[in-house]
Amino acid sequence: MAEGTATCIDIVVAILLPPLGVFLKYGCKGEFWICLLLTILGYIPGIIYAVWAITRD
């Protein structure tokens, strides 16, 4: 249950600040930079990528 709660909190953070949610899960790797670029280009694509990146594992 603790892992499900962490995922739920990660998703909420990813909706509010997509690059922060990805950074908390992966650190400063490629996923973070892709999410940052998508968020700069458009907030909605950043959210979609962040939620996908957090829940894909």
N, C-alpha and C. Protein backbone atom coordinates (compact mmCIF):
# COMPACT_ATOMS: atom_id res chain seq x y z
N MET A 1 0.81 -1.19 0.00
CA MET A 1 0.00 0.00 0.00
C MET A 1 0.86 1.26 0.00
N ALA A 2 2.00 1.21 0.60
CA ALA A 2 2.86 2.39 0.64
C ALA A 2 3.33 2.78 -0.75
N GLU A 3 3.59 1.80 -1.60
CA GLU A 3 4.02 2.11 -2.96
C GLU A 3 2.90 2.77 -3.76
N GLY A 4 1.67 2.35 -3.57
CA GLY A 4 0.54 2.97 -4.25
C GLY A 4 0.33 4.40 -3.81
N THR A 5 0.54 4.67 -2.52
CA THR A 5 0.42 6.02 -2.01
C THR A 5 1.50 6.92 -2.60
N ALA A 6 2.70 6.40 -2.69
CA ALA A 6 3.80 7.18 -3.26
C ALA A 6 3.51 7.49 -4.73
N THR A 7 2.98 6.54 -5.45
CA THR A 7 2.65 6.78 -6.85
C THR A 7 1.56 7.82 -6.98
N CYS A 8 0.58 7.78 -6.11
CA CYS A 8 -0.50 8.76 -6.14
C CYS A 8 0.05 10.17 -5.88
N ILE A 9 0.91 10.30 -4.90
CA ILE A 9 1.52 11.61 -4.60
C ILE A 9 2.40 12.05 -5.76
N ASP A 10 3.14 11.13 -6.36
CA ASP A 10 3.98 11.46 -7.52
C ASP A 10 3.13 11.96 -8.68
N ILE A 11 1.98 11.38 -8.90
CA ILE A 11 1.12 11.80 -9.99
C ILE A 11 0.56 13.19 -9.73
N VAL A 12 0.18 13.47 -8.49
CA VAL A 12 -0.32 14.80 -8.15
C VAL A 12 0.77 15.85 -8.37
N VAL A 13 1.99 15.55 -7.95
CA VAL A 13 3.11 16.47 -8.18
C VAL A 13 3.36 16.63 -9.67
N ALA A 14 3.25 15.54 -10.42
CA ALA A 14 3.47 15.61 -11.87
C ALA A 14 2.41 16.46 -12.56
N ILE A 15 1.21 16.49 -12.04
CA ILE A 15 0.17 17.32 -12.65
C ILE A 15 0.42 18.79 -12.34
N LEU A 16 0.86 19.08 -11.12
CA LEU A 16 1.11 20.47 -10.74
C LEU A 16 2.39 21.02 -11.37
N LEU A 17 3.48 20.26 -11.25
CA LEU A 17 4.78 20.65 -11.82
C LEU A 17 5.41 19.42 -12.48
N PRO A 18 5.13 19.20 -13.75
CA PRO A 18 5.58 17.96 -14.40
C PRO A 18 7.07 17.67 -14.29
N PRO A 19 7.98 18.64 -14.53
CA PRO A 19 9.39 18.29 -14.42
C PRO A 19 9.81 17.89 -13.00
N LEU A 20 9.19 18.48 -11.99
CA LEU A 20 9.51 18.12 -10.61
C LEU A 20 9.13 16.69 -10.31
N GLY A 21 7.96 16.27 -10.76
CA GLY A 21 7.55 14.88 -10.54
C GLY A 21 8.49 13.89 -11.18
N VAL A 22 8.94 14.17 -12.39
CA VAL A 22 9.88 13.28 -13.07
C VAL A 22 11.25 13.33 -12.40
N PHE A 23 11.66 14.51 -11.96
CA PHE A 23 12.95 14.65 -11.27
C PHE A 23 12.97 13.86 -9.98
N LEU A 24 11.89 13.87 -9.23
CA LEU A 24 11.85 13.12 -7.98
C LEU A 24 11.95 11.62 -8.19
N LYS A 25 11.49 11.15 -9.34
CA LYS A 25 11.56 9.71 -9.61
C LYS A 25 12.88 9.30 -10.27
N TYR A 26 13.36 10.09 -11.24
CA TYR A 26 14.52 9.68 -12.04
C TYR A 26 15.78 10.49 -11.80
N GLY A 27 15.68 11.63 -11.17
CA GLY A 27 16.84 12.50 -11.03
C GLY A 27 17.05 13.30 -12.30
N CYS A 28 18.27 13.73 -12.52
CA CYS A 28 18.58 14.62 -13.65
C CYS A 28 19.02 13.80 -14.87
N LYS A 29 18.20 12.86 -15.28
CA LYS A 29 18.49 12.01 -16.43
C LYS A 29 17.71 12.48 -17.64
N GLY A 30 17.70 11.72 -18.69
CA GLY A 30 17.04 12.09 -19.94
C GLY A 30 15.56 12.33 -19.81
N GLU A 31 14.89 11.55 -18.95
CA GLU A 31 13.45 11.72 -18.78
C GLU A 31 13.11 13.11 -18.27
N PHE A 32 13.93 13.61 -17.34
CA PHE A 32 13.71 14.95 -16.80
C PHE A 32 13.82 16.01 -17.89
N TRP A 33 14.85 15.92 -18.71
CA TRP A 33 15.07 16.94 -19.75
C TRP A 33 13.98 16.90 -20.81
N ILE A 34 13.53 15.70 -21.16
CA ILE A 34 12.43 15.59 -22.12
C ILE A 34 11.17 16.23 -21.55
N CYS A 35 10.89 15.95 -20.29
CA CYS A 35 9.70 16.50 -19.65
C CYS A 35 9.81 18.02 -19.54
N LEU A 36 10.99 18.53 -19.21
CA LEU A 36 11.18 19.97 -19.12
C LEU A 36 10.95 20.63 -20.47
N LEU A 37 11.48 20.05 -21.53
CA LEU A 37 11.28 20.60 -22.87
C LEU A 37 9.81 20.57 -23.27
N LEU A 38 9.14 19.46 -23.01
CA LEU A 38 7.71 19.36 -23.35
C LEU A 38 6.87 20.35 -22.54
N THR A 39 7.25 20.58 -21.29
CA THR A 39 6.51 21.53 -20.46
C THR A 39 6.72 22.95 -20.95
N ILE A 40 7.93 23.27 -21.40
CA ILE A 40 8.19 24.60 -21.95
C ILE A 40 7.40 24.81 -23.24
N LEU A 41 7.33 23.77 -24.07
CA LEU A 41 6.61 23.88 -25.34
C LEU A 41 5.09 23.89 -25.14
N GLY A 42 4.63 23.25 -24.10
CA GLY A 42 3.20 23.22 -23.81
C GLY A 42 2.96 22.47 -22.52
N TYR A 43 2.18 23.04 -21.64
CA TYR A 43 1.98 22.46 -20.31
C TYR A 43 1.33 21.09 -20.37
N ILE A 44 0.34 20.91 -21.23
CA ILE A 44 -0.38 19.63 -21.32
C ILE A 44 0.52 18.49 -21.80
N PRO A 45 1.35 18.67 -22.85
CA PRO A 45 2.26 17.58 -23.22
C PRO A 45 3.23 17.22 -22.10
N GLY A 46 3.65 18.21 -21.32
CA GLY A 46 4.52 17.93 -20.18
C GLY A 46 3.84 17.08 -19.13
N ILE A 47 2.56 17.37 -18.87
CA ILE A 47 1.80 16.58 -17.90
C ILE A 47 1.62 15.15 -18.40
N ILE A 48 1.25 15.00 -19.66
CA ILE A 48 1.04 13.67 -20.21
C ILE A 48 2.31 12.84 -20.14
N TYR A 49 3.44 13.43 -20.53
CA TYR A 49 4.70 12.69 -20.49
C TYR A 49 5.09 12.36 -19.05
N ALA A 50 4.91 13.30 -18.13
CA ALA A 50 5.29 13.06 -16.74
C ALA A 50 4.48 11.93 -16.13
N VAL A 51 3.19 11.92 -16.35
CA VAL A 51 2.35 10.85 -15.80
C VAL A 51 2.73 9.52 -16.44
N TRP A 52 2.98 9.53 -17.72
CA TRP A 52 3.39 8.30 -18.41
C TRP A 52 4.73 7.80 -17.87
N ALA A 53 5.68 8.71 -17.70
CA ALA A 53 7.01 8.31 -17.23
C ALA A 53 6.96 7.77 -15.81
N ILE A 54 6.12 8.33 -14.97
CA ILE A 54 6.04 7.90 -13.59
C ILE A 54 5.34 6.54 -13.47
N THR A 55 4.34 6.31 -14.28
CA THR A 55 3.55 5.08 -14.14
C THR A 55 4.00 3.95 -15.05
N ARG A 56 4.99 4.12 -15.88
CA ARG A 56 5.36 3.07 -16.84
C ARG A 56 6.08 1.89 -16.19
N ASP A 57 6.68 2.06 -15.02
CA ASP A 57 7.42 0.94 -14.41
C ASP A 57 6.53 0.01 -13.64
